[in-house]
N, C-alpha and C. Protein backbone atom coordinates (compact mmCIF):
# COMPACT_ATOMS: atom_id res chain seq x y z
N MET A 1 -108.54 -92.24 -1.09
CA MET A 1 -108.67 -90.82 -1.36
C MET A 1 -109.48 -90.15 -0.27
N ASP A 2 -110.55 -90.81 0.17
CA ASP A 2 -111.39 -90.21 1.21
C ASP A 2 -110.61 -90.05 2.50
N GLU A 3 -109.75 -91.07 2.80
CA GLU A 3 -108.95 -90.99 4.03
C GLU A 3 -107.97 -89.83 3.96
N GLN A 4 -107.34 -89.62 2.78
CA GLN A 4 -106.40 -88.50 2.61
C GLN A 4 -107.11 -87.19 2.76
N HIS A 5 -108.30 -87.10 2.26
CA HIS A 5 -109.09 -85.87 2.33
C HIS A 5 -109.45 -85.55 3.79
N ASP A 6 -109.77 -86.62 4.56
CA ASP A 6 -110.10 -86.41 5.97
C ASP A 6 -108.90 -85.88 6.75
N ASN A 7 -107.69 -86.41 6.41
CA ASN A 7 -106.47 -85.94 7.10
C ASN A 7 -106.21 -84.47 6.80
N ASP A 8 -106.45 -84.08 5.53
CA ASP A 8 -106.23 -82.67 5.16
C ASP A 8 -107.20 -81.76 5.93
N ASP A 9 -108.46 -82.24 6.09
CA ASP A 9 -109.43 -81.42 6.81
C ASP A 9 -109.02 -81.25 8.27
N GLN A 10 -108.50 -82.37 8.87
CA GLN A 10 -108.07 -82.27 10.26
C GLN A 10 -106.92 -81.29 10.44
N GLN A 11 -105.95 -81.32 9.47
CA GLN A 11 -104.81 -80.38 9.55
C GLN A 11 -105.28 -78.94 9.42
N ASP A 12 -106.26 -78.72 8.51
CA ASP A 12 -106.76 -77.36 8.34
C ASP A 12 -107.45 -76.87 9.61
N ASN A 13 -108.25 -77.80 10.23
CA ASN A 13 -108.93 -77.42 11.45
C ASN A 13 -107.94 -77.09 12.57
N SER A 14 -106.86 -77.92 12.68
CA SER A 14 -105.85 -77.68 13.72
C SER A 14 -105.15 -76.34 13.49
N MET A 15 -104.81 -76.04 12.25
CA MET A 15 -104.15 -74.78 11.93
C MET A 15 -105.06 -73.60 12.25
N GLY A 16 -106.34 -73.75 11.96
CA GLY A 16 -107.29 -72.68 12.26
C GLY A 16 -107.40 -72.42 13.74
N MET A 17 -107.38 -73.51 14.53
CA MET A 17 -107.47 -73.33 15.98
C MET A 17 -106.23 -72.61 16.51
N VAL A 18 -105.06 -72.98 15.98
CA VAL A 18 -103.82 -72.31 16.43
C VAL A 18 -103.86 -70.84 16.12
N LEU A 19 -104.28 -70.52 14.88
CA LEU A 19 -104.36 -69.12 14.50
C LEU A 19 -105.35 -68.36 15.37
N ALA A 20 -106.49 -69.04 15.70
CA ALA A 20 -107.50 -68.38 16.53
C ALA A 20 -106.94 -68.09 17.92
N VAL A 21 -106.18 -69.09 18.47
CA VAL A 21 -105.60 -68.89 19.80
C VAL A 21 -104.59 -67.74 19.79
N VAL A 22 -103.73 -67.70 18.75
CA VAL A 22 -102.72 -66.64 18.65
C VAL A 22 -103.39 -65.28 18.53
N ALA A 23 -104.42 -65.21 17.67
CA ALA A 23 -105.13 -63.94 17.48
C ALA A 23 -105.79 -63.50 18.78
N GLY A 24 -106.38 -64.45 19.49
CA GLY A 24 -107.00 -64.10 20.75
C GLY A 24 -105.99 -63.57 21.76
N GLY A 25 -104.79 -64.19 21.79
CA GLY A 25 -103.75 -63.72 22.71
C GLY A 25 -103.28 -62.32 22.38
N VAL A 26 -103.13 -62.07 21.06
CA VAL A 26 -102.70 -60.73 20.64
C VAL A 26 -103.74 -59.69 21.04
N ILE A 27 -105.00 -60.04 20.81
CA ILE A 27 -106.08 -59.10 21.18
C ILE A 27 -106.09 -58.83 22.68
N LEU A 28 -105.88 -59.88 23.48
CA LEU A 28 -105.85 -59.72 24.94
C LEU A 28 -104.72 -58.80 25.38
N VAL A 29 -103.53 -59.00 24.78
CA VAL A 29 -102.38 -58.14 25.11
C VAL A 29 -102.68 -56.70 24.77
N LEU A 30 -103.29 -56.46 23.58
CA LEU A 30 -103.61 -55.09 23.17
C LEU A 30 -104.61 -54.47 24.14
N VAL A 31 -105.59 -55.26 24.59
CA VAL A 31 -106.58 -54.74 25.52
C VAL A 31 -105.93 -54.34 26.85
N VAL A 32 -105.03 -55.20 27.34
CA VAL A 32 -104.34 -54.91 28.60
C VAL A 32 -103.49 -53.64 28.47
N LEU A 33 -102.75 -53.53 27.35
CA LEU A 33 -101.92 -52.33 27.15
C LEU A 33 -102.78 -51.08 27.05
N ALA A 34 -103.92 -51.19 26.37
CA ALA A 34 -104.81 -50.03 26.25
C ALA A 34 -105.34 -49.62 27.62
N ALA A 35 -105.67 -50.62 28.46
CA ALA A 35 -106.18 -50.30 29.80
C ALA A 35 -105.11 -49.62 30.64
N LEU A 36 -103.89 -50.14 30.55
CA LEU A 36 -102.80 -49.53 31.30
C LEU A 36 -102.53 -48.11 30.84
N GLY A 37 -102.54 -47.89 29.52
CA GLY A 37 -102.31 -46.55 28.99
C GLY A 37 -103.39 -45.58 29.43
N ALA A 38 -104.63 -46.02 29.43
CA ALA A 38 -105.73 -45.15 29.86
C ALA A 38 -105.59 -44.80 31.34
N GLY A 39 -105.22 -45.81 32.15
CA GLY A 39 -105.04 -45.53 33.57
C GLY A 39 -103.91 -44.54 33.82
N PHE A 40 -102.79 -44.69 33.09
CA PHE A 40 -101.66 -43.77 33.25
C PHE A 40 -102.06 -42.37 32.84
N PHE A 41 -102.81 -42.25 31.74
CA PHE A 41 -103.24 -40.91 31.28
C PHE A 41 -104.15 -40.25 32.31
N ILE A 42 -105.06 -41.03 32.89
CA ILE A 42 -105.97 -40.46 33.90
C ILE A 42 -105.19 -40.03 35.13
N PHE A 43 -104.19 -40.85 35.51
CA PHE A 43 -103.38 -40.49 36.68
C PHE A 43 -102.60 -39.21 36.44
N ARG A 44 -101.99 -39.08 35.25
CA ARG A 44 -101.18 -37.90 34.96
C ARG A 44 -102.03 -36.66 34.81
N SER A 45 -103.23 -36.79 34.29
CA SER A 45 -104.09 -35.63 34.03
C SER A 45 -105.02 -35.32 35.19
N GLY A 46 -104.84 -36.01 36.33
CA GLY A 46 -105.70 -35.77 37.48
C GLY A 46 -105.44 -34.40 38.07
N PRO A 47 -106.22 -33.98 39.07
CA PRO A 47 -106.07 -32.66 39.66
C PRO A 47 -104.69 -32.49 40.30
N ALA A 48 -104.06 -31.34 40.02
CA ALA A 48 -102.71 -31.07 40.55
C ALA A 48 -102.79 -30.77 42.03
N MET A 49 -101.80 -31.25 42.77
CA MET A 49 -101.73 -30.98 44.19
C MET A 49 -101.33 -29.53 44.39
N PRO A 50 -101.89 -28.86 45.40
CA PRO A 50 -101.48 -27.48 45.65
C PRO A 50 -100.01 -27.42 46.03
N PRO A 51 -99.30 -26.40 45.52
CA PRO A 51 -97.86 -26.32 45.82
C PRO A 51 -97.62 -26.11 47.29
N GLY A 52 -96.64 -26.81 47.80
CA GLY A 52 -96.29 -26.65 49.20
C GLY A 52 -95.39 -25.46 49.39
N PRO A 53 -95.04 -25.17 50.62
CA PRO A 53 -94.15 -24.03 50.87
C PRO A 53 -92.78 -24.26 50.26
N GLY A 54 -92.20 -23.22 49.72
CA GLY A 54 -90.89 -23.32 49.10
C GLY A 54 -89.82 -23.56 50.14
N PRO A 55 -88.60 -23.87 49.69
CA PRO A 55 -87.51 -24.12 50.62
C PRO A 55 -87.17 -22.87 51.41
N VAL A 56 -86.83 -23.07 52.65
CA VAL A 56 -86.44 -21.94 53.50
C VAL A 56 -84.99 -21.62 53.23
N VAL A 57 -84.72 -20.40 52.86
CA VAL A 57 -83.36 -19.96 52.57
C VAL A 57 -82.88 -19.10 53.72
N VAL A 58 -81.81 -19.51 54.34
CA VAL A 58 -81.25 -18.76 55.46
C VAL A 58 -80.01 -18.06 54.96
N ILE A 59 -80.00 -16.75 55.06
CA ILE A 59 -78.85 -15.96 54.63
C ILE A 59 -78.08 -15.56 55.87
N ASP A 60 -76.87 -16.00 55.93
CA ASP A 60 -76.02 -15.68 57.07
C ASP A 60 -75.00 -14.66 56.62
N GLU A 61 -75.23 -13.41 56.97
CA GLU A 61 -74.31 -12.36 56.56
C GLU A 61 -73.45 -11.97 57.75
N ASP A 62 -72.15 -12.17 57.55
CA ASP A 62 -71.23 -11.77 58.59
C ASP A 62 -70.80 -10.35 58.30
N VAL A 63 -71.53 -9.38 58.85
CA VAL A 63 -71.23 -7.98 58.60
C VAL A 63 -70.10 -7.57 59.52
N GLY A 64 -68.96 -7.18 58.94
CA GLY A 64 -67.81 -6.79 59.72
C GLY A 64 -68.10 -5.56 60.57
N TRP A 65 -67.29 -5.39 61.62
CA TRP A 65 -67.54 -4.28 62.53
C TRP A 65 -67.39 -2.95 61.83
N GLU A 66 -66.61 -2.91 60.72
CA GLU A 66 -66.39 -1.62 60.09
C GLU A 66 -67.59 -1.14 59.28
N GLN A 67 -68.61 -2.01 59.14
CA GLN A 67 -69.81 -1.59 58.44
C GLN A 67 -70.72 -0.81 59.37
N PRO A 68 -71.38 0.23 58.88
CA PRO A 68 -72.28 1.00 59.74
C PRO A 68 -73.52 0.21 60.07
N PRO A 69 -74.20 0.55 61.17
CA PRO A 69 -75.44 -0.17 61.52
C PRO A 69 -76.49 0.02 60.45
N MET A 70 -77.33 -0.98 60.28
CA MET A 70 -78.33 -0.95 59.22
C MET A 70 -79.50 -0.06 59.63
N ALA A 71 -79.83 0.87 58.74
CA ALA A 71 -80.99 1.73 58.99
C ALA A 71 -82.25 0.96 58.64
N GLU A 72 -83.36 1.34 59.26
CA GLU A 72 -84.62 0.65 59.00
C GLU A 72 -85.65 1.65 58.54
N ASN A 73 -86.38 1.26 57.51
CA ASN A 73 -87.37 2.18 56.96
C ASN A 73 -88.37 1.39 56.16
N GLY A 74 -89.67 1.72 56.29
CA GLY A 74 -90.70 1.04 55.51
C GLY A 74 -91.18 -0.22 56.17
N PRO A 75 -92.38 -0.67 55.83
CA PRO A 75 -92.95 -1.85 56.48
C PRO A 75 -92.39 -3.13 55.92
N ARG A 76 -92.32 -4.14 56.75
CA ARG A 76 -91.94 -5.47 56.29
C ARG A 76 -93.14 -6.12 55.61
N PRO A 77 -92.90 -6.99 54.61
CA PRO A 77 -94.01 -7.72 54.01
C PRO A 77 -94.71 -8.57 55.05
N GLY A 78 -96.04 -8.44 55.15
CA GLY A 78 -96.79 -9.22 56.10
C GLY A 78 -96.72 -8.69 57.52
N GLY A 79 -96.23 -7.47 57.68
CA GLY A 79 -96.15 -6.89 59.02
C GLY A 79 -94.87 -7.29 59.71
N GLY A 80 -94.77 -6.96 60.98
CA GLY A 80 -93.60 -7.35 61.75
C GLY A 80 -92.57 -6.27 61.87
N GLY A 81 -92.93 -5.03 61.56
CA GLY A 81 -91.96 -3.96 61.76
C GLY A 81 -91.29 -3.55 60.46
N PRO A 82 -90.44 -2.55 60.53
CA PRO A 82 -89.79 -2.02 59.33
C PRO A 82 -88.75 -2.97 58.76
N ALA A 83 -88.53 -2.87 57.46
CA ALA A 83 -87.55 -3.71 56.78
C ALA A 83 -86.19 -3.02 56.79
N PRO A 84 -85.09 -3.79 56.92
CA PRO A 84 -83.76 -3.18 56.95
C PRO A 84 -83.38 -2.62 55.59
N MET A 85 -82.70 -1.47 55.61
CA MET A 85 -82.19 -0.88 54.40
C MET A 85 -80.78 -1.40 54.14
N PRO A 86 -80.29 -1.33 52.90
CA PRO A 86 -78.93 -1.79 52.62
C PRO A 86 -77.91 -1.00 53.42
N VAL A 87 -76.79 -1.67 53.74
CA VAL A 87 -75.71 -1.01 54.47
C VAL A 87 -75.02 -0.03 53.53
N VAL A 88 -74.90 1.21 53.95
CA VAL A 88 -74.30 2.25 53.13
C VAL A 88 -73.25 2.98 53.96
N ALA A 89 -72.08 3.18 53.39
CA ALA A 89 -71.03 3.88 54.11
C ALA A 89 -71.41 5.34 54.31
N ILE A 90 -71.04 5.87 55.48
CA ILE A 90 -71.33 7.25 55.78
C ILE A 90 -70.39 8.16 54.98
N GLU A 91 -70.93 9.24 54.47
CA GLU A 91 -70.11 10.20 53.72
C GLU A 91 -69.19 10.92 54.70
N ILE A 92 -67.89 10.90 54.42
CA ILE A 92 -66.94 11.57 55.30
C ILE A 92 -66.07 12.50 54.48
N SER A 93 -65.35 13.37 55.17
CA SER A 93 -64.54 14.38 54.51
C SER A 93 -63.30 13.77 53.89
N PRO A 94 -62.71 14.44 52.89
CA PRO A 94 -61.46 13.94 52.30
C PRO A 94 -60.34 13.79 53.34
N ALA A 95 -60.31 14.70 54.32
CA ALA A 95 -59.28 14.59 55.36
C ALA A 95 -59.44 13.31 56.16
N ALA A 96 -60.70 12.98 56.51
CA ALA A 96 -60.93 11.77 57.29
C ALA A 96 -60.63 10.51 56.48
N LYS A 97 -60.78 10.60 55.17
CA LYS A 97 -60.51 9.42 54.33
C LYS A 97 -59.04 9.01 54.39
N ARG A 98 -58.16 9.95 54.73
CA ARG A 98 -56.74 9.60 54.82
C ARG A 98 -56.50 8.59 55.94
N PHE A 99 -57.36 8.58 56.94
CA PHE A 99 -57.19 7.67 58.07
C PHE A 99 -57.74 6.27 57.78
N GLN A 100 -58.62 6.15 56.83
CA GLN A 100 -59.32 4.88 56.63
C GLN A 100 -58.35 3.74 56.37
N GLY A 101 -58.68 2.60 56.94
CA GLY A 101 -57.87 1.41 56.73
C GLY A 101 -57.17 0.98 58.01
N GLU A 102 -56.23 0.07 57.86
CA GLU A 102 -55.55 -0.54 59.00
C GLU A 102 -54.13 -0.05 59.12
N TRP A 103 -53.75 0.29 60.35
CA TRP A 103 -52.41 0.77 60.67
C TRP A 103 -51.82 -0.14 61.74
N GLU A 104 -50.50 -0.38 61.65
CA GLU A 104 -49.88 -1.30 62.59
C GLU A 104 -48.57 -0.75 63.13
N SER A 105 -48.24 -1.21 64.33
CA SER A 105 -47.02 -0.77 65.00
C SER A 105 -46.51 -1.91 65.86
N THR A 106 -45.17 -1.95 66.07
CA THR A 106 -44.57 -2.94 66.96
C THR A 106 -43.89 -2.21 68.11
N ARG A 107 -44.33 -2.55 69.31
CA ARG A 107 -43.79 -1.89 70.50
C ARG A 107 -42.45 -2.51 70.91
N PRO A 108 -41.72 -1.81 71.78
CA PRO A 108 -40.43 -2.35 72.22
C PRO A 108 -40.52 -3.73 72.86
N ASP A 109 -41.66 -4.07 73.50
CA ASP A 109 -41.80 -5.38 74.14
C ASP A 109 -42.25 -6.47 73.17
N GLY A 110 -42.38 -6.12 71.90
CA GLY A 110 -42.76 -7.10 70.88
C GLY A 110 -44.24 -7.15 70.58
N THR A 111 -45.06 -6.42 71.33
CA THR A 111 -46.49 -6.41 71.09
C THR A 111 -46.80 -5.71 69.77
N LYS A 112 -47.61 -6.36 68.96
CA LYS A 112 -48.05 -5.75 67.71
C LYS A 112 -49.39 -5.07 67.95
N SER A 113 -49.45 -3.81 67.63
CA SER A 113 -50.65 -3.02 67.86
C SER A 113 -51.21 -2.56 66.52
N THR A 114 -52.53 -2.67 66.36
CA THR A 114 -53.17 -2.23 65.12
C THR A 114 -54.34 -1.31 65.44
N MET A 115 -54.57 -0.37 64.53
CA MET A 115 -55.74 0.49 64.57
C MET A 115 -56.45 0.36 63.24
N PHE A 116 -57.76 0.21 63.28
CA PHE A 116 -58.55 0.13 62.05
C PHE A 116 -59.60 1.23 62.08
N PHE A 117 -59.43 2.22 61.19
CA PHE A 117 -60.39 3.31 61.08
C PHE A 117 -61.44 2.92 60.05
N GLY A 118 -62.68 2.76 60.50
CA GLY A 118 -63.75 2.32 59.62
C GLY A 118 -64.41 3.48 58.88
N VAL A 119 -65.16 3.14 57.84
CA VAL A 119 -65.83 4.15 57.03
C VAL A 119 -67.05 4.74 57.74
N ASP A 120 -67.44 4.14 58.85
CA ASP A 120 -68.66 4.57 59.54
C ASP A 120 -68.38 5.31 60.83
N GLY A 121 -67.13 5.73 61.05
CA GLY A 121 -66.80 6.45 62.27
C GLY A 121 -66.44 5.55 63.44
N ARG A 122 -66.23 4.27 63.18
CA ARG A 122 -65.82 3.37 64.25
C ARG A 122 -64.32 3.09 64.14
N LEU A 123 -63.72 2.85 65.27
CA LEU A 123 -62.28 2.60 65.36
C LEU A 123 -62.06 1.37 66.23
N ARG A 124 -61.24 0.46 65.73
CA ARG A 124 -60.92 -0.74 66.50
C ARG A 124 -59.44 -0.75 66.84
N PHE A 125 -59.15 -0.91 68.12
CA PHE A 125 -57.79 -1.14 68.60
C PHE A 125 -57.63 -2.64 68.80
N MET A 126 -56.44 -3.15 68.44
CA MET A 126 -56.17 -4.56 68.69
C MET A 126 -54.70 -4.72 69.04
N ASN A 127 -54.46 -5.47 70.11
CA ASN A 127 -53.10 -5.78 70.55
C ASN A 127 -52.84 -7.27 70.40
N HIS A 128 -51.66 -7.59 69.86
CA HIS A 128 -51.23 -8.98 69.74
C HIS A 128 -49.95 -9.15 70.57
N PRO A 129 -50.09 -9.49 71.85
CA PRO A 129 -48.89 -9.64 72.68
C PRO A 129 -47.97 -10.72 72.13
N ALA A 130 -46.68 -10.50 72.29
CA ALA A 130 -45.70 -11.45 71.75
C ALA A 130 -45.79 -12.80 72.44
N ASP A 131 -46.18 -12.85 73.71
CA ASP A 131 -46.23 -14.11 74.46
C ASP A 131 -47.64 -14.64 74.63
N ASP A 132 -48.59 -14.11 73.87
CA ASP A 132 -49.98 -14.53 74.03
C ASP A 132 -50.62 -14.61 72.64
N GLU A 133 -51.16 -15.79 72.29
CA GLU A 133 -51.75 -15.97 70.96
C GLU A 133 -53.09 -15.26 70.82
N ALA A 134 -53.77 -15.00 71.93
CA ALA A 134 -55.11 -14.40 71.87
C ALA A 134 -54.99 -12.87 71.84
N PRO A 135 -55.41 -12.22 70.75
CA PRO A 135 -55.34 -10.76 70.69
C PRO A 135 -56.43 -10.13 71.56
N ARG A 136 -56.19 -8.90 71.97
CA ARG A 136 -57.17 -8.13 72.74
C ARG A 136 -57.63 -6.97 71.87
N SER A 137 -58.90 -6.65 71.94
CA SER A 137 -59.41 -5.58 71.07
C SER A 137 -60.41 -4.72 71.83
N MET A 138 -60.62 -3.52 71.30
CA MET A 138 -61.59 -2.59 71.87
C MET A 138 -62.18 -1.77 70.73
N MET A 139 -63.48 -1.54 70.79
CA MET A 139 -64.19 -0.78 69.77
C MET A 139 -64.51 0.62 70.29
N LEU A 140 -64.27 1.64 69.43
CA LEU A 140 -64.47 3.03 69.80
C LEU A 140 -65.17 3.76 68.66
N ARG A 141 -65.53 5.01 68.93
CA ARG A 141 -65.97 5.94 67.89
C ARG A 141 -64.88 6.99 67.73
N TRP A 142 -64.66 7.45 66.50
CA TRP A 142 -63.62 8.46 66.29
C TRP A 142 -64.14 9.60 65.44
N GLU A 143 -63.50 10.78 65.59
CA GLU A 143 -63.86 11.95 64.81
C GLU A 143 -62.67 12.90 64.73
N LEU A 144 -62.64 13.66 63.64
CA LEU A 144 -61.62 14.70 63.50
C LEU A 144 -62.12 15.98 64.15
N ARG A 145 -61.30 16.54 65.02
CA ARG A 145 -61.69 17.77 65.69
C ARG A 145 -61.21 19.00 64.92
N GLU A 146 -59.98 18.97 64.46
CA GLU A 146 -59.44 20.07 63.67
C GLU A 146 -58.21 19.57 62.93
N SER A 147 -57.77 20.32 61.95
CA SER A 147 -56.62 19.91 61.16
C SER A 147 -55.84 21.14 60.71
N LYS A 148 -54.56 20.92 60.52
CA LYS A 148 -53.68 21.97 60.01
C LYS A 148 -52.56 21.29 59.24
N GLY A 149 -52.66 21.35 57.90
CA GLY A 149 -51.68 20.65 57.07
C GLY A 149 -51.81 19.16 57.25
N ASP A 150 -50.70 18.53 57.69
CA ASP A 150 -50.68 17.08 57.91
C ASP A 150 -50.90 16.71 59.37
N ARG A 151 -51.27 17.68 60.20
CA ARG A 151 -51.52 17.40 61.61
C ARG A 151 -53.01 17.49 61.91
N PHE A 152 -53.50 16.54 62.70
CA PHE A 152 -54.93 16.44 62.97
C PHE A 152 -55.14 16.18 64.46
N GLN A 153 -56.16 16.80 65.00
CA GLN A 153 -56.62 16.46 66.33
C GLN A 153 -57.73 15.42 66.20
N VAL A 154 -57.50 14.26 66.76
CA VAL A 154 -58.44 13.15 66.63
C VAL A 154 -58.94 12.78 68.02
N ARG A 155 -60.25 12.68 68.13
CA ARG A 155 -60.86 12.23 69.38
C ARG A 155 -61.49 10.87 69.17
N TYR A 156 -61.29 9.98 70.12
CA TYR A 156 -61.95 8.67 70.06
C TYR A 156 -62.34 8.27 71.47
N ASN A 157 -63.50 7.65 71.58
CA ASN A 157 -64.02 7.28 72.89
C ASN A 157 -64.89 6.04 72.80
N SER A 158 -65.03 5.40 73.94
CA SER A 158 -65.90 4.23 74.04
C SER A 158 -67.32 4.70 74.29
N GLU A 159 -68.27 3.80 74.13
CA GLU A 159 -69.67 4.16 74.30
C GLU A 159 -69.97 4.61 75.73
N ASP A 160 -69.29 4.01 76.70
CA ASP A 160 -69.53 4.39 78.09
C ASP A 160 -68.68 5.58 78.53
N LYS A 161 -67.89 6.12 77.57
CA LYS A 161 -67.04 7.31 77.81
C LYS A 161 -65.93 7.05 78.82
N VAL A 162 -65.73 5.79 79.21
CA VAL A 162 -64.64 5.48 80.13
C VAL A 162 -63.30 5.76 79.44
N TYR A 163 -63.22 5.38 78.18
CA TYR A 163 -62.02 5.67 77.39
C TYR A 163 -62.35 6.84 76.48
N ASP A 164 -61.77 8.00 76.75
CA ASP A 164 -62.06 9.21 75.98
C ASP A 164 -60.75 9.98 75.83
N VAL A 165 -60.22 9.96 74.59
CA VAL A 165 -58.89 10.52 74.35
C VAL A 165 -58.94 11.44 73.14
N GLU A 166 -58.18 12.52 73.22
CA GLU A 166 -57.96 13.39 72.07
C GLU A 166 -56.46 13.58 71.90
N GLN A 167 -55.94 13.21 70.73
CA GLN A 167 -54.50 13.23 70.49
C GLN A 167 -54.19 13.90 69.15
N GLU A 168 -52.95 14.26 69.01
CA GLU A 168 -52.49 14.87 67.75
C GLU A 168 -51.82 13.80 66.88
N PHE A 169 -52.35 13.67 65.68
CA PHE A 169 -51.82 12.74 64.70
C PHE A 169 -51.11 13.53 63.59
N GLU A 170 -50.03 12.98 63.11
CA GLU A 170 -49.30 13.61 62.01
C GLU A 170 -49.05 12.59 60.91
N PHE A 171 -49.42 12.95 59.69
CA PHE A 171 -49.10 12.12 58.53
C PHE A 171 -47.71 12.47 58.04
N GLN A 172 -46.87 11.47 57.90
CA GLN A 172 -45.56 11.62 57.27
C GLN A 172 -45.60 10.80 55.99
N GLY A 173 -46.09 11.44 54.92
CA GLY A 173 -46.42 10.71 53.70
C GLY A 173 -47.80 10.10 53.85
N ASN A 174 -48.14 9.19 52.96
CA ASN A 174 -49.48 8.58 52.99
C ASN A 174 -49.53 7.30 53.82
N ASP A 175 -48.35 6.74 54.14
CA ASP A 175 -48.33 5.42 54.78
C ASP A 175 -47.68 5.43 56.16
N ARG A 176 -47.41 6.59 56.70
CA ARG A 176 -46.79 6.66 58.02
C ARG A 176 -47.58 7.65 58.88
N LEU A 177 -47.93 7.21 60.08
CA LEU A 177 -48.75 8.01 60.98
C LEU A 177 -48.07 8.07 62.34
N VAL A 178 -47.85 9.30 62.84
CA VAL A 178 -47.18 9.50 64.11
C VAL A 178 -48.15 10.16 65.09
N ILE A 179 -48.29 9.56 66.27
CA ILE A 179 -49.15 10.12 67.31
C ILE A 179 -48.26 10.84 68.32
N HIS A 180 -48.52 12.13 68.50
CA HIS A 180 -47.68 12.96 69.38
C HIS A 180 -48.24 13.06 70.80
N GLY A 181 -49.39 12.52 71.06
CA GLY A 181 -49.96 12.59 72.41
C GLY A 181 -50.97 13.72 72.52
N PRO A 182 -51.41 14.06 73.73
CA PRO A 182 -50.94 13.48 75.00
C PRO A 182 -51.39 12.03 75.19
N PHE A 183 -50.62 11.28 75.99
CA PHE A 183 -50.89 9.87 76.22
C PHE A 183 -51.46 9.65 77.61
N ARG A 184 -52.41 8.76 77.69
CA ARG A 184 -52.98 8.39 78.98
C ARG A 184 -51.96 7.59 79.79
N GLU A 185 -51.98 7.78 81.07
CA GLU A 185 -51.08 7.03 81.93
C GLU A 185 -51.52 5.56 81.97
N ASN A 186 -50.55 4.68 81.79
CA ASN A 186 -50.79 3.23 81.81
C ASN A 186 -51.77 2.80 80.72
N ASP A 187 -51.76 3.53 79.61
CA ASP A 187 -52.64 3.16 78.49
C ASP A 187 -52.05 1.94 77.79
N ARG A 188 -52.83 0.88 77.70
CA ARG A 188 -52.32 -0.33 77.04
C ARG A 188 -52.61 -0.34 75.55
N TRP A 189 -53.36 0.67 75.06
CA TRP A 189 -53.75 0.67 73.65
C TRP A 189 -52.83 1.54 72.81
N ILE A 190 -52.62 2.77 73.20
CA ILE A 190 -51.69 3.65 72.50
C ILE A 190 -50.51 3.89 73.43
N VAL A 191 -49.37 3.31 73.09
CA VAL A 191 -48.19 3.37 73.95
C VAL A 191 -47.09 4.13 73.23
N LYS A 192 -46.56 5.15 73.89
CA LYS A 192 -45.49 5.94 73.27
C LYS A 192 -44.16 5.21 73.37
N GLY A 193 -43.31 5.46 72.40
CA GLY A 193 -42.00 4.87 72.37
C GLY A 193 -40.98 5.73 73.10
N PRO A 194 -39.70 5.38 72.97
CA PRO A 194 -38.64 6.13 73.66
C PRO A 194 -38.59 7.60 73.26
N ASP A 195 -38.99 7.93 72.04
CA ASP A 195 -38.94 9.33 71.61
C ASP A 195 -40.21 10.10 71.98
N GLY A 196 -41.11 9.48 72.72
CA GLY A 196 -42.32 10.17 73.17
C GLY A 196 -43.45 10.18 72.16
N THR A 197 -43.35 9.39 71.08
CA THR A 197 -44.41 9.29 70.08
C THR A 197 -44.76 7.82 69.85
N ALA A 198 -45.89 7.60 69.20
CA ALA A 198 -46.29 6.26 68.76
C ALA A 198 -46.36 6.29 67.24
N LYS A 199 -45.65 5.39 66.60
CA LYS A 199 -45.54 5.39 65.14
C LYS A 199 -46.27 4.17 64.56
N TYR A 200 -47.04 4.45 63.52
CA TYR A 200 -47.79 3.41 62.84
C TYR A 200 -47.53 3.46 61.33
N GLN A 201 -47.53 2.29 60.74
CA GLN A 201 -47.40 2.15 59.28
C GLN A 201 -48.73 1.64 58.71
N ARG A 202 -49.10 2.13 57.55
CA ARG A 202 -50.31 1.61 56.91
C ARG A 202 -50.06 0.16 56.50
N LYS A 203 -50.99 -0.71 56.87
CA LYS A 203 -50.84 -2.12 56.54
C LYS A 203 -51.13 -2.35 55.08
N LYS A 204 -50.23 -3.02 54.40
CA LYS A 204 -50.39 -3.28 52.97
C LYS A 204 -51.26 -4.48 52.73
C-alpha cells in the first residue's frame, strides 16, 4: 500500500510540473503580445510627420488660334505678376456673326482652300494643294467695314501689314459666300475662278 501511495504522489507531482510549465508558457506569450501591442500603439500615436508638398499638377491647355488672347488682371498668389483671366469671346455684331466658322472652296487646280473666321477677330487662311500633303496657312485680323443687305466690305490684314486686303463679300443664303474682289495679283490665298469670283461653302 505504501508503494502504491508513493507512485500516486509521484504522478501528482509530475502532473503539477507539467501544468506549471504550460501556465508559465502561456503567461510568457501573453507578456510578449502585450509588449508588442504597446510598442505598436506608441509607434502609431507618435508625432505626425509634417505634410510634404502636394503633387505638382501640370495643366496643358491647347488653346486654339480662334480663341482671343488671355487678358491679365490682379496679382498672382505669392507675387510674380498678374494672374490670367478666363478666355472670353469678344462681343461682335450680328452681321459679323454670319461670317463665323469655317468656309471651304475647291479651285480649278484641285487646291482646297479654307477660311476660318474666329470669334475674336482673327482669320485663318489655309490651302491644301492637291499634290502636297502639307497644308499652308496664314493668320490675319479681319473686320467689317460696311454692309448693305447681303453684301459686306471686309478688310483683313497681317500684323506686319504686308498682306492688307479689302474685298466685297456676298452671302447667297446662309451657307454660300461669294467674294467679288478686287483680287490681289498672284494672290495664292484668295483666287478668283473663271467667272471672276471666289465661291465658298460653309463647312458642315
